[in-house]
Amino acid sequence: MWMEHDSGAFTCLRIAFKGAEGIVLAADSRVTLMAGIQIPGLQLPAGTQLLVPATFDNATKLINSTSQRFIAAVTFGTGAIGQKEPRTAASFMPEFDAQLAKELAGKDKNDQRLTVEQFAKKLGDFFLADPHRSRRN
């Protein structure tokens, strides 16, 4: 759900419901990216660029792992990771799943199912380990 604040800024809403059978997660699909444009005849100082927001309504903000069927995460905040070649968090999940599969290979089936805390730690470490997967590049 989009809510407009008095300042004119918009906020998107993430929802989680806890029930007897588990937790239900939900997220909107809008992402706003800043796009650099050039306007013929508009003179800008050297090295500057005119940025305008570009919105898309097809972002995947509810992410899960193929090997961890009972755990998911909801993203919020920055719509894309990386400056040169922006990607959503969801687009990195196949790489995360491949790395996780290598880590869990050979372990007993009962030891392959991660706790929420273990999953969150591994997912966080995955994004922080490579500058291309963090907001720093």
Foldseek 3Di string as FASTA:
>chain_A
DWDADPVRDIAWDWDWDQDPVGIDTDGFQKAKDWDFDDDPPDDDPPPDTDIDIDMDRHHDQWADAPQAVVDIGGDDDHQFADDPDTDGLRVCRVVLNVVLCVVCPPPDPVVSHDDRVVVVVSSVCVQVVDNRSHNND
